[in-house]
Every structure is written in C-alpha cells, then in structure tokens.
C-alpha cells in the first residue's frame, strides 16, 4: 500500500461520504469507477470499512451498518486529491526519463504505479495535452513532444501576469487565513534546505511547486489555478532537466523565495510586486538557459 497510500486515504474518505448517503454500496467495479481507483484499492477500502464495523462485506453484498463518524476519516493533511497524486506521479515519470522529446508515457503503467484507475489517468493526460506538450498515440501510449524556446517565452508572459495577480491577492488575505500558517511552514523548509544545501538541493523542485501553488490558490480564480499544471511542469521541474550547476541555481532560487516570502509577510503591495517581478525575471532567464 506504500505507493498508493495517499490515493487510498483520499478514496477511503470519499467512500465514507457515500456511506453517509446510502444503505448499500455498488459492485467493486462500479465503486472503483465512482472513486477513480483500481479494484485492488477498492478492496483495501472495503476491508478497512469492515474492520471499523461500518459495513458487512459478504462477497457481492455490502450492507451499511452505521453512518461514518469524524474519527473514521483520515486527517485532511494526510490526503491529497487524486488529481494532485496523478499530476505528481506524471511529473516524476517524465523526470525519470530525462524529459526527452519522444519519451513514451503509458497510461496503464502510470495507473498501476499510482494504484488508481486508467480512466482518471486518461482524463488527466487529455486535459494536459491541450498545452501541446504531449500527444496521444494508439494503444494507451502518449509521447512527450518537447519544449521549444518559443513555447517557453509565451508561457513566461502568461505566468507573469497570473502570478503578479495572485501575489497581490495573497496580501489581501485575512490574518486568520490558513495560507499564512502554510507560508510559515514553507519558509521553515526553505531555511532547513539552505542549511544543508549540499545534501538537500535536489528537494527544491517539490518545494518550489508547493510555494507557487500556495500563491496561485490565493487568487481564487479557477483559470489561474488550472493553468498551474503547465507552470509546474515547465518552471518548477526544469531545474532537474538541466543538471549543470543545479546546486548553485537551486540555492539562489531558495534565497529569492525567502525574499519573496518576506515581502508577502510584510503585506506591503509595493514590496510584493518588486520581489515577485525579481523572482519571475530570474526564473525566465534560468528557464531559457535550460532549453537548447
């Protein structure tokens, strides 16, 4: 269950919501389709439900014994949405293959690796393909088309507009908004990595994604947040495509993030605008240098 632990927990919590609304559960294939997970994960969910005495599971019969209680659910911080899990697995698979044009991505293998159903993976790949970076081929195969300089320039222009808008929205969040506490946690991780940069510089990519996603979410704009998918692939992971001087580049980016975070915490719109623009300019230059 190690690989699909977060998939399992997220799907289990969603299954409990179904239990709260019905007296019986559908068949395993139907439940897998509803939850977007594999049959193996469905069986693990049903086993846990039985252990908690939520259901009686006798082959095809799944009778609900009681309604779920808050203590039955996994904590929110232990779960990720299925879309987030698929996205991260997709990114890691691309990186493992060197992000070379022509690299093949098999949706069946990706679904098996995550522990989810192929339908959910296919939907993600179809949605992602609209950016023109992957292309569908026969027999559940997809091909990475590669990244051109022209594509990168177009992307940076849109990214800068969206992130400046999101950073301005972040400053306007109320003091008790959970984003401020998350920002503190992200700041602490930045300092921890910098303190051991020789051994931990490779951890930057995922931290980069976590930080910028937090900023983008503050916009509360579904189009900006949706656009984040392609930003994460190109900007937040290109540090790993070009291995040259990665320690130095990541250390510099960590310092820039800390300046950006300090500006956000100041709640001064002018400071935020300046720090955001400095970081975006640096990110654009680094991205262009990484593309042949």
C-alpha atoms as a PDB file:
ATOM      1  CA  UNK A   1       0.000   0.000   0.000  1.00  0.00           C
ATOM      2  CA  UNK A   2       3.064   2.314   0.254  1.00  0.00           C
ATOM      3  CA  UNK A   3       2.879   3.716  -3.272  1.00  0.00           C
ATOM      4  CA  UNK A   4      -0.853   4.303  -3.187  1.00  0.00           C
ATOM      5  CA  UNK A   5      -1.159   5.327   0.452  1.00  0.00           C
ATOM      6  CA  UNK A   6      -2.385   8.844  -0.292  1.00  0.00           C
ATOM      7  CA  UNK A   7      -4.625   7.525  -3.081  1.00  0.00           C
ATOM      8  CA  UNK A   8      -6.098   5.024  -0.644  1.00  0.00           C
ATOM      9  CA  UNK A   9      -6.687   7.592   2.101  1.00  0.00           C
ATOM     10  CA  UNK A  10      -8.284  10.105  -0.241  1.00  0.00           C
ATOM     11  CA  UNK A  11     -10.523   7.458  -1.828  1.00  0.00           C
ATOM     12  CA  UNK A  12     -11.410   5.999   1.577  1.00  0.00           C
ATOM     13  CA  UNK A  13     -12.579   9.397   2.830  1.00  0.00           C
ATOM     14  CA  UNK A  14     -14.682   9.845  -0.305  1.00  0.00           C
ATOM     15  CA  UNK A  15     -16.147   6.366   0.151  1.00  0.00           C
ATOM     16  CA  UNK A  16     -17.219   7.312   3.684  1.00  0.00           C
ATOM     17  CA  UNK A  17     -19.193  10.194   2.213  1.00  0.00           C
ATOM     18  CA  UNK A  18     -21.008   7.658   0.041  1.00  0.00           C
ATOM     19  CA  UNK A  19     -21.736   5.536   3.113  1.00  0.00           C
ATOM     20  CA  UNK A  20     -23.383   8.515   4.755  1.00  0.00           C
ATOM     21  CA  UNK A  21     -25.911   8.671   1.914  1.00  0.00           C
ATOM     22  CA  UNK A  22     -26.782   5.032   1.186  1.00  0.00           C
ATOM     23  CA  UNK A  23     -27.658   1.698   2.798  1.00  0.00           C
ATOM     24  CA  UNK A  24     -25.680  -0.447   0.336  1.00  0.00           C
ATOM     25  CA  UNK A  25     -22.584   0.016  -1.811  1.00  0.00           C
ATOM     26  CA  UNK A  26     -22.327  -0.820  -5.526  1.00  0.00           C
ATOM     27  CA  UNK A  27     -20.186  -3.598  -7.015  1.00  0.00           C
ATOM     28  CA  UNK A  28     -16.406  -3.370  -6.817  1.00  0.00           C
ATOM     29  CA  UNK A  29     -16.018  -2.294 -10.500  1.00  0.00           C
ATOM     30  CA  UNK A  30     -18.736   0.351 -10.077  1.00  0.00           C
ATOM     31  CA  UNK A  31     -17.223   1.611  -6.829  1.00  0.00           C
ATOM     32  CA  UNK A  32     -13.809   1.777  -8.487  1.00  0.00           C
ATOM     33  CA  UNK A  33     -15.275   3.851 -11.296  1.00  0.00           C
ATOM     34  CA  UNK A  34     -17.038   6.222  -8.903  1.00  0.00           C
ATOM     35  CA  UNK A  35     -13.894   6.722  -6.792  1.00  0.00           C
ATOM     36  CA  UNK A  36     -11.486   6.634  -9.736  1.00  0.00           C
ATOM     37  CA  UNK A  37      -9.267   3.924  -8.231  1.00  0.00           C
ATOM     38  CA  UNK A  38      -8.189   0.368  -9.030  1.00  0.00           C
ATOM     39  CA  UNK A  39     -10.017  -2.756  -7.844  1.00  0.00           C
ATOM     40  CA  UNK A  40      -7.108  -3.505  -5.506  1.00  0.00           C
ATOM     41  CA  UNK A  41      -7.591  -0.134  -3.807  1.00  0.00           C
ATOM     42  CA  UNK A  42     -11.372  -0.699  -3.664  1.00  0.00           C
ATOM     43  CA  UNK A  43     -10.827  -3.977  -1.819  1.00  0.00           C
ATOM     44  CA  UNK A  44      -8.464  -2.289   0.641  1.00  0.00           C
ATOM     45  CA  UNK A  45     -11.128   0.369   1.274  1.00  0.00           C
ATOM     46  CA  UNK A  46     -13.822  -2.251   1.849  1.00  0.00           C
ATOM     47  CA  UNK A  47     -11.545  -4.190   4.218  1.00  0.00           C
ATOM     48  CA  UNK A  48     -10.962  -1.087   6.321  1.00  0.00           C
ATOM     49  CA  UNK A  49     -14.684  -0.306   6.342  1.00  0.00           C
ATOM     50  CA  UNK A  50     -15.321  -3.822   7.585  1.00  0.00           C
ATOM     51  CA  UNK A  51     -12.638  -3.506  10.284  1.00  0.00           C
ATOM     52  CA  UNK A  52     -14.301  -0.309  11.515  1.00  0.00           C
ATOM     53  CA  UNK A  53     -17.650  -2.121  11.523  1.00  0.00           C
ATOM     54  CA  UNK A  54     -19.062   0.325   9.022  1.00  0.00           C
ATOM     55  CA  UNK A  55     -20.236  -2.424   6.682  1.00  0.00           C
ATOM     56  CA  UNK A  56     -20.793  -6.153   6.363  1.00  0.00           C
ATOM     57  CA  UNK A  57     -18.908  -7.343   3.282  1.00  0.00           C
ATOM     58  CA  UNK A  58     -20.001 -10.751   2.099  1.00  0.00           C
ATOM     59  CA  UNK A  59     -18.814 -11.214  -1.495  1.00  0.00           C
ATOM     60  CA  UNK A  60     -21.196  -9.060  -3.555  1.00  0.00           C
ATOM     61  CA  UNK A  61     -23.235  -7.876  -0.566  1.00  0.00           C
ATOM     62  CA  UNK A  62     -22.014  -4.716   1.164  1.00  0.00           C
ATOM     63  CA  UNK A  63     -24.514  -3.653   3.794  1.00  0.00           C
ATOM     64  CA  UNK A  64     -24.003  -0.409   5.685  1.00  0.00           C
ATOM     65  CA  UNK A  65     -24.127  -0.936   9.469  1.00  0.00           C
ATOM     66  CA  UNK A  66     -23.702   2.629  10.637  1.00  0.00           C
ATOM     67  CA  UNK A  67     -23.022   6.147   9.446  1.00  0.00           C
ATOM     68  CA  UNK A  68     -19.382   7.308   9.475  1.00  0.00           C
ATOM     69  CA  UNK A  69     -18.171   9.468  12.356  1.00  0.00           C
ATOM     70  CA  UNK A  70     -15.471  12.166  12.153  1.00  0.00           C
ATOM     71  CA  UNK A  71     -12.960   9.813  13.811  1.00  0.00           C
ATOM     72  CA  UNK A  72     -13.400   7.293  10.961  1.00  0.00           C
ATOM     73  CA  UNK A  73     -11.925   9.686   8.406  1.00  0.00           C
ATOM     74  CA  UNK A  74      -8.218  10.089   7.708  1.00  0.00           C
ATOM     75  CA  UNK A  75      -6.996  13.611   8.631  1.00  0.00           C
ATOM     76  CA  UNK A  76      -7.107  16.065   5.727  1.00  0.00           C
ATOM     77  CA  UNK A  77      -3.372  16.710   5.968  1.00  0.00           C
ATOM     78  CA  UNK A  78      -2.731  13.017   5.224  1.00  0.00           C
ATOM     79  CA  UNK A  79      -4.645  13.076   1.955  1.00  0.00           C
ATOM     80  CA  UNK A  80      -4.115  14.657  -1.432  1.00  0.00           C
ATOM     81  CA  UNK A  81      -6.711  14.920  -4.152  1.00  0.00           C
ATOM     82  CA  UNK A  82      -6.490  12.203  -6.786  1.00  0.00           C
ATOM     83  CA  UNK A  83      -5.702  14.861  -9.399  1.00  0.00           C
ATOM     84  CA  UNK A  84      -2.700  16.056  -7.354  1.00  0.00           C
ATOM     85  CA  UNK A  85      -1.447  12.496  -6.910  1.00  0.00           C
ATOM     86  CA  UNK A  86      -1.695  11.757 -10.650  1.00  0.00           C
ATOM     87  CA  UNK A  87      -0.027  15.057 -11.531  1.00  0.00           C
ATOM     88  CA  UNK A  88       2.956  14.447  -9.243  1.00  0.00           C
ATOM     89  CA  UNK A  89       3.386  10.868 -10.456  1.00  0.00           C
ATOM     90  CA  UNK A  90       3.242  12.069 -14.059  1.00  0.00           C
ATOM     91  CA  UNK A  91       5.917  14.678 -13.368  1.00  0.00           C
ATOM     92  CA  UNK A  92       8.201  12.187 -11.654  1.00  0.00           C
ATOM     93  CA  UNK A  93       7.840   9.724 -14.520  1.00  0.00           C
ATOM     94  CA  UNK A  94       8.835  12.438 -17.016  1.00  0.00           C
ATOM     95  CA  UNK A  95      11.854  13.392 -14.919  1.00  0.00           C
ATOM     96  CA  UNK A  96      12.928   9.773 -14.538  1.00  0.00           C
ATOM     97  CA  UNK A  97      13.001   9.536 -18.325  1.00  0.00           C
ATOM     98  CA  UNK A  98      15.081  12.682 -18.682  1.00  0.00           C
ATOM     99  CA  UNK A  99      12.213  14.734 -20.159  1.00  0.00           C
ATOM    100  CA  UNK A 100      13.497  13.946 -23.657  1.00  0.00           C
ATOM    101  CA  UNK A 101      11.274  14.606 -26.715  1.00  0.00           C
ATOM    102  CA  UNK A 102       9.833  11.336 -27.971  1.00  0.00           C
ATOM    103  CA  UNK A 103       9.661   9.795 -24.492  1.00  0.00           C
ATOM    104  CA  UNK A 104       6.669   7.457 -24.216  1.00  0.00           C
ATOM    105  CA  UNK A 105       4.154   7.533 -21.369  1.00  0.00           C
ATOM    106  CA  UNK A 106       1.904   4.511 -20.926  1.00  0.00           C
ATOM    107  CA  UNK A 107      -1.328   5.348 -19.116  1.00  0.00           C
ATOM    108  CA  UNK A 108      -1.793   1.729 -17.975  1.00  0.00           C
ATOM    109  CA  UNK A 109       1.640   1.641 -16.336  1.00  0.00           C
ATOM    110  CA  UNK A 110       1.109   5.046 -14.746  1.00  0.00           C
ATOM    111  CA  UNK A 111      -2.272   3.978 -13.334  1.00  0.00           C
ATOM    112  CA  UNK A 112      -0.768   0.745 -11.947  1.00  0.00           C
ATOM    113  CA  UNK A 113       2.097   2.660 -10.333  1.00  0.00           C
ATOM    114  CA  UNK A 114      -0.290   5.073  -8.597  1.00  0.00           C
ATOM    115  CA  UNK A 115      -2.883   2.444  -7.705  1.00  0.00           C
ATOM    116  CA  UNK A 116      -5.711   4.227  -9.485  1.00  0.00           C
ATOM    117  CA  UNK A 117      -7.992   3.525 -12.437  1.00  0.00           C
ATOM    118  CA  UNK A 118      -6.929   4.209 -16.020  1.00  0.00           C
ATOM    119  CA  UNK A 119      -9.932   6.480 -16.557  1.00  0.00           C
ATOM    120  CA  UNK A 120      -8.624   9.044 -14.061  1.00  0.00           C
ATOM    121  CA  UNK A 121      -5.131   8.953 -15.581  1.00  0.00           C
ATOM    122  CA  UNK A 122      -6.508   9.259 -19.115  1.00  0.00           C
ATOM    123  CA  UNK A 123      -8.646  12.262 -18.141  1.00  0.00           C
ATOM    124  CA  UNK A 124      -5.585  13.987 -16.670  1.00  0.00           C
ATOM    125  CA  UNK A 125      -3.474  13.304 -19.777  1.00  0.00           C
ATOM    126  CA  UNK A 126      -6.226  14.524 -22.105  1.00  0.00           C
ATOM    127  CA  UNK A 127      -6.576  17.725 -20.064  1.00  0.00           C
ATOM    128  CA  UNK A 128      -2.815  18.221 -20.039  1.00  0.00           C
ATOM    129  CA  UNK A 129      -2.460  17.523 -23.782  1.00  0.00           C
ATOM    130  CA  UNK A 130      -4.231  20.769 -24.667  1.00  0.00           C
ATOM    131  CA  UNK A 131      -0.967  22.574 -23.937  1.00  0.00           C
ATOM    132  CA  UNK A 132       0.659  20.746 -26.845  1.00  0.00           C
ATOM    133  CA  UNK A 133       3.415  19.104 -24.797  1.00  0.00           C
ATOM    134  CA  UNK A 134       2.153  15.528 -25.072  1.00  0.00           C
ATOM    135  CA  UNK A 135       0.389  13.754 -27.905  1.00  0.00           C
ATOM    136  CA  UNK A 136      -1.900  10.704 -27.920  1.00  0.00           C
ATOM    137  CA  UNK A 137      -0.753   7.608 -29.786  1.00  0.00           C
ATOM    138  CA  UNK A 138      -2.534   4.233 -30.257  1.00  0.00           C
ATOM    139  CA  UNK A 139      -2.676   1.565 -27.518  1.00  0.00           C
ATOM    140  CA  UNK A 140      -2.823   3.825 -24.454  1.00  0.00           C
ATOM    141  CA  UNK A 141       0.519   5.467 -25.273  1.00  0.00           C
ATOM    142  CA  UNK A 142       1.372   9.146 -25.116  1.00  0.00           C
ATOM    143  CA  UNK A 143       4.507  10.874 -26.415  1.00  0.00           C
ATOM    144  CA  UNK A 144       6.320  13.846 -24.903  1.00  0.00           C
ATOM    145  CA  UNK A 145       6.800  16.385 -27.703  1.00  0.00           C
ATOM    146  CA  UNK A 146       9.419  18.547 -26.034  1.00  0.00           C
ATOM    147  CA  UNK A 147       9.776  22.217 -25.131  1.00  0.00           C
ATOM    148  CA  UNK A 148      10.753  24.962 -27.569  1.00  0.00           C
ATOM    149  CA  UNK A 149      12.128  28.430 -26.829  1.00  0.00           C
ATOM    150  CA  UNK A 150       9.018  29.997 -28.369  1.00  0.00           C
ATOM    151  CA  UNK A 151       6.770  27.943 -26.109  1.00  0.00           C
ATOM    152  CA  UNK A 152       8.796  28.985 -23.054  1.00  0.00           C
ATOM    153  CA  UNK A 153       8.567  32.688 -23.951  1.00  0.00           C
ATOM    154  CA  UNK A 154       4.797  32.508 -24.412  1.00  0.00           C
ATOM    155  CA  UNK A 155       4.463  30.646 -21.149  1.00  0.00           C
ATOM    156  CA  UNK A 156       6.541  33.131 -19.141  1.00  0.00           C
ATOM    157  CA  UNK A 157       4.443  36.021 -20.393  1.00  0.00           C
ATOM    158  CA  UNK A 158       1.224  34.407 -19.153  1.00  0.00           C
ATOM    159  CA  UNK A 159       2.834  33.164 -15.948  1.00  0.00           C
ATOM    160  CA  UNK A 160       3.997  36.663 -15.017  1.00  0.00           C
ATOM    161  CA  UNK A 161       0.523  38.122 -15.468  1.00  0.00           C
ATOM    162  CA  UNK A 162      -1.089  35.396 -13.384  1.00  0.00           C
ATOM    163  CA  UNK A 163       1.456  35.322 -10.582  1.00  0.00           C
ATOM    164  CA  UNK A 164       1.522  39.093 -10.105  1.00  0.00           C
ATOM    165  CA  UNK A 165      -2.276  38.981  -9.815  1.00  0.00           C
ATOM    166  CA  UNK A 166      -2.111  36.067  -7.354  1.00  0.00           C
ATOM    167  CA  UNK A 167       0.608  37.683  -5.207  1.00  0.00           C
ATOM    168  CA  UNK A 168      -1.486  40.838  -4.904  1.00  0.00           C
ATOM    169  CA  UNK A 169      -4.450  38.683  -3.795  1.00  0.00           C
ATOM    170  CA  UNK A 170      -2.303  36.889  -1.212  1.00  0.00           C
ATOM    171  CA  UNK A 171      -1.517  40.176   0.554  1.00  0.00           C
ATOM    172  CA  UNK A 172      -5.241  40.853   0.872  1.00  0.00           C
ATOM    173  CA  UNK A 173      -5.985  37.555   2.662  1.00  0.00           C
ATOM    174  CA  UNK A 174      -7.343  37.974   6.215  1.00  0.00           C
ATOM    175  CA  UNK A 175      -4.883  37.447   9.068  1.00  0.00           C
ATOM    176  CA  UNK A 176      -6.558  34.213  10.176  1.00  0.00           C
ATOM    177  CA  UNK A 177      -6.474  32.632   6.706  1.00  0.00           C
ATOM    178  CA  UNK A 178      -4.705  29.210   6.799  1.00  0.00           C
ATOM    179  CA  UNK A 179      -2.465  30.269   3.901  1.00  0.00           C
ATOM    180  CA  UNK A 180      -0.372  32.402   6.282  1.00  0.00           C
ATOM    181  CA  UNK A 181       0.382  29.422   8.509  1.00  0.00           C
ATOM    182  CA  UNK A 182       1.262  27.323   5.460  1.00  0.00           C
ATOM    183  CA  UNK A 183       3.570  30.121   4.299  1.00  0.00           C
ATOM    184  CA  UNK A 184       5.420  29.941   7.641  1.00  0.00           C
ATOM    185  CA  UNK A 185       5.890  26.196   7.224  1.00  0.00           C
ATOM    186  CA  UNK A 186       7.179  26.656   3.687  1.00  0.00           C
ATOM    187  CA  UNK A 187       9.590  29.344   4.891  1.00  0.00           C
ATOM    188  CA  UNK A 188      10.946  26.979   7.553  1.00  0.00           C
ATOM    189  CA  UNK A 189      11.593  24.244   4.987  1.00  0.00           C
ATOM    190  CA  UNK A 190      13.453  26.739   2.791  1.00  0.00           C
ATOM    191  CA  UNK A 191      15.785  27.562   5.679  1.00  0.00           C
ATOM    192  CA  UNK A 192      16.295  23.885   6.535  1.00  0.00           C
ATOM    193  CA  UNK A 193      17.333  23.058   2.968  1.00  0.00           C
ATOM    194  CA  UNK A 194      19.659  26.053   2.733  1.00  0.00           C
ATOM    195  CA  UNK A 195      21.320  24.992   5.993  1.00  0.00           C
ATOM    196  CA  UNK A 196      22.185  21.635   4.385  1.00  0.00           C
ATOM    197  CA  UNK A 197      22.259  22.701   0.749  1.00  0.00           C
ATOM    198  CA  UNK A 198      24.985  20.261  -0.349  1.00  0.00           C
ATOM    199  CA  UNK A 199      22.843  17.273   0.583  1.00  0.00           C
ATOM    200  CA  UNK A 200      19.331  18.633   0.071  1.00  0.00           C
ATOM    201  CA  UNK A 201      19.449  20.895  -3.010  1.00  0.00           C
ATOM    202  CA  UNK A 202      17.511  18.290  -5.055  1.00  0.00           C
ATOM    203  CA  UNK A 203      14.499  18.800  -2.780  1.00  0.00           C
ATOM    204  CA  UNK A 204      13.957  22.253  -4.233  1.00  0.00           C
ATOM    205  CA  UNK A 205      11.671  21.290  -7.139  1.00  0.00           C
ATOM    206  CA  UNK A 206       8.818  19.977  -4.993  1.00  0.00           C
ATOM    207  CA  UNK A 207       9.191  22.855  -2.542  1.00  0.00           C
ATOM    208  CA  UNK A 208       9.084  25.275  -5.467  1.00  0.00           C
ATOM    209  CA  UNK A 209       5.836  23.702  -6.611  1.00  0.00           C
ATOM    210  CA  UNK A 210       4.366  23.848  -3.102  1.00  0.00           C
ATOM    211  CA  UNK A 211       5.214  27.536  -2.678  1.00  0.00           C
ATOM    212  CA  UNK A 212       3.952  28.780  -6.034  1.00  0.00           C
ATOM    213  CA  UNK A 213       0.783  26.696  -5.846  1.00  0.00           C
ATOM    214  CA  UNK A 214       0.009  28.358  -2.496  1.00  0.00           C
ATOM    215  CA  UNK A 215       0.399  31.784  -4.110  1.00  0.00           C
ATOM    216  CA  UNK A 216      -1.731  30.855  -7.132  1.00  0.00           C
ATOM    217  CA  UNK A 217      -4.530  29.424  -4.995  1.00  0.00           C
ATOM    218  CA  UNK A 218      -4.929  32.764  -3.236  1.00  0.00           C
ATOM    219  CA  UNK A 219      -6.272  34.203  -6.494  1.00  0.00           C
ATOM    220  CA  UNK A 220      -9.447  32.090  -6.091  1.00  0.00           C
ATOM    221  CA  UNK A 221      -9.522  32.126  -9.887  1.00  0.00           C
ATOM    222  CA  UNK A 222     -10.200  28.694 -11.367  1.00  0.00           C
ATOM    223  CA  UNK A 223      -8.423  29.540 -14.648  1.00  0.00           C
ATOM    224  CA  UNK A 224      -5.251  30.711 -12.916  1.00  0.00           C
ATOM    225  CA  UNK A 225      -5.203  27.635 -10.671  1.00  0.00           C
ATOM    226  CA  UNK A 226      -5.856  25.310 -13.610  1.00  0.00           C
ATOM    227  CA  UNK A 227      -3.023  26.935 -15.584  1.00  0.00           C
ATOM    228  CA  UNK A 228      -0.726  25.969 -12.728  1.00  0.00           C
ATOM    229  CA  UNK A 229      -0.474  22.412 -14.138  1.00  0.00           C
ATOM    230  CA  UNK A 230       1.698  23.508 -17.034  1.00  0.00           C
ATOM    231  CA  UNK A 231       3.627  26.009 -14.914  1.00  0.00           C
ATOM    232  CA  UNK A 232       4.618  23.236 -12.528  1.00  0.00           C
ATOM    233  CA  UNK A 233       5.899  21.011 -15.313  1.00  0.00           C
ATOM    234  CA  UNK A 234       7.963  23.616 -17.112  1.00  0.00           C
ATOM    235  CA  UNK A 235       9.114  26.066 -14.459  1.00  0.00           C
ATOM    236  CA  UNK A 236       9.245  24.062 -11.271  1.00  0.00           C
ATOM    237  CA  UNK A 237      10.824  20.966 -12.753  1.00  0.00           C
ATOM    238  CA  UNK A 238      13.186  22.348 -15.377  1.00  0.00           C
ATOM    239  CA  UNK A 239      15.799  22.686 -12.618  1.00  0.00           C
ATOM    240  CA  UNK A 240      16.118  18.907 -12.787  1.00  0.00           C
ATOM    241  CA  UNK A 241      16.228  18.661 -16.586  1.00  0.00           C
ATOM    242  CA  UNK A 242      19.412  20.698 -16.822  1.00  0.00           C
ATOM    243  CA  UNK A 243      21.796  19.176 -14.301  1.00  0.00           C
ATOM    244  CA  UNK A 244      24.561  21.766 -14.773  1.00  0.00           C
ATOM    245  CA  UNK A 245      25.187  23.937 -11.694  1.00  0.00           C
ATOM    246  CA  UNK A 246      21.939  22.695 -10.153  1.00  0.00           C
ATOM    247  CA  UNK A 247      23.190  23.171  -6.592  1.00  0.00           C
ATOM    248  CA  UNK A 248      24.052  26.827  -7.213  1.00  0.00           C
ATOM    249  CA  UNK A 249      20.854  27.537  -9.158  1.00  0.00           C
ATOM    250  CA  UNK A 250      18.661  25.956  -6.514  1.00  0.00           C
ATOM    251  CA  UNK A 251      20.444  27.798  -3.703  1.00  0.00           C
ATOM    252  CA  UNK A 252      19.915  31.102  -5.499  1.00  0.00           C
ATOM    253  CA  UNK A 253      16.241  30.298  -6.098  1.00  0.00           C
ATOM    254  CA  UNK A 254      15.777  29.412  -2.411  1.00  0.00           C
ATOM    255  CA  UNK A 255      17.190  32.817  -1.419  1.00  0.00           C
ATOM    256  CA  UNK A 256      14.878  34.540  -3.900  1.00  0.00           C
ATOM    257  CA  UNK A 257      11.916  32.660  -2.458  1.00  0.00           C
ATOM    258  CA  UNK A 258      12.806  33.808   1.053  1.00  0.00           C
ATOM    259  CA  UNK A 259      12.856  37.431  -0.143  1.00  0.00           C
ATOM    260  CA  UNK A 260       9.525  36.874  -1.876  1.00  0.00           C
ATOM    261  CA  UNK A 261       8.054  35.264   1.283  1.00  0.00           C
ATOM    262  CA  UNK A 262       9.315  38.158   3.436  1.00  0.00           C
ATOM    263  CA  UNK A 263       7.602  40.592   1.077  1.00  0.00           C
ATOM    264  CA  UNK A 264       4.319  38.665   1.307  1.00  0.00           C
ATOM    265  CA  UNK A 265       4.567  38.657   5.104  1.00  0.00           C
ATOM    266  CA  UNK A 266       5.127  42.418   5.084  1.00  0.00           C
ATOM    267  CA  UNK A 267       1.711  42.820   3.412  1.00  0.00           C
ATOM    268  CA  UNK A 268       3.179  45.760   1.501  1.00  0.00           C
ATOM    269  CA  UNK A 269       1.830  45.571  -2.085  1.00  0.00           C
ATOM    270  CA  UNK A 270       4.812  47.503  -3.467  1.00  0.00           C
ATOM    271  CA  UNK A 271       7.371  45.170  -1.829  1.00  0.00           C
ATOM    272  CA  UNK A 272       5.444  42.139  -3.018  1.00  0.00           C
ATOM    273  CA  UNK A 273       5.280  43.426  -6.596  1.00  0.00           C
ATOM    274  CA  UNK A 274       9.026  44.117  -6.660  1.00  0.00           C
ATOM    275  CA  UNK A 275      10.020  40.765  -5.099  1.00  0.00           C
ATOM    276  CA  UNK A 276       7.665  38.853  -7.376  1.00  0.00           C
ATOM    277  CA  UNK A 277       8.984  40.592 -10.510  1.00  0.00           C
ATOM    278  CA  UNK A 278      12.627  39.936  -9.496  1.00  0.00           C
ATOM    279  CA  UNK A 279      11.950  36.249  -8.983  1.00  0.00           C
ATOM    280  CA  UNK A 280       9.959  35.888 -12.203  1.00  0.00           C
ATOM    281  CA  UNK A 281      12.718  37.597 -14.205  1.00  0.00           C
ATOM    282  CA  UNK A 282      15.309  35.236 -12.753  1.00  0.00           C
ATOM    283  CA  UNK A 283      13.062  32.213 -13.396  1.00  0.00           C
ATOM    284  CA  UNK A 284      12.600  33.283 -17.021  1.00  0.00           C
ATOM    285  CA  UNK A 285      16.361  33.605 -17.576  1.00  0.00           C
ATOM    286  CA  UNK A 286      17.085  30.242 -15.940  1.00  0.00           C
ATOM    287  CA  UNK A 287      14.355  28.545 -17.968  1.00  0.00           C
ATOM    288  CA  UNK A 288      15.633  29.908 -21.276  1.00  0.00           C
ATOM    289  CA  UNK A 289      19.192  28.841 -20.418  1.00  0.00           C
ATOM    290  CA  UNK A 290      17.976  25.276 -19.851  1.00  0.00           C
ATOM    291  CA  UNK A 291      16.444  24.964 -23.344  1.00  0.00           C
ATOM    292  CA  UNK A 292      18.867  24.090 -26.181  1.00  0.00           C
END
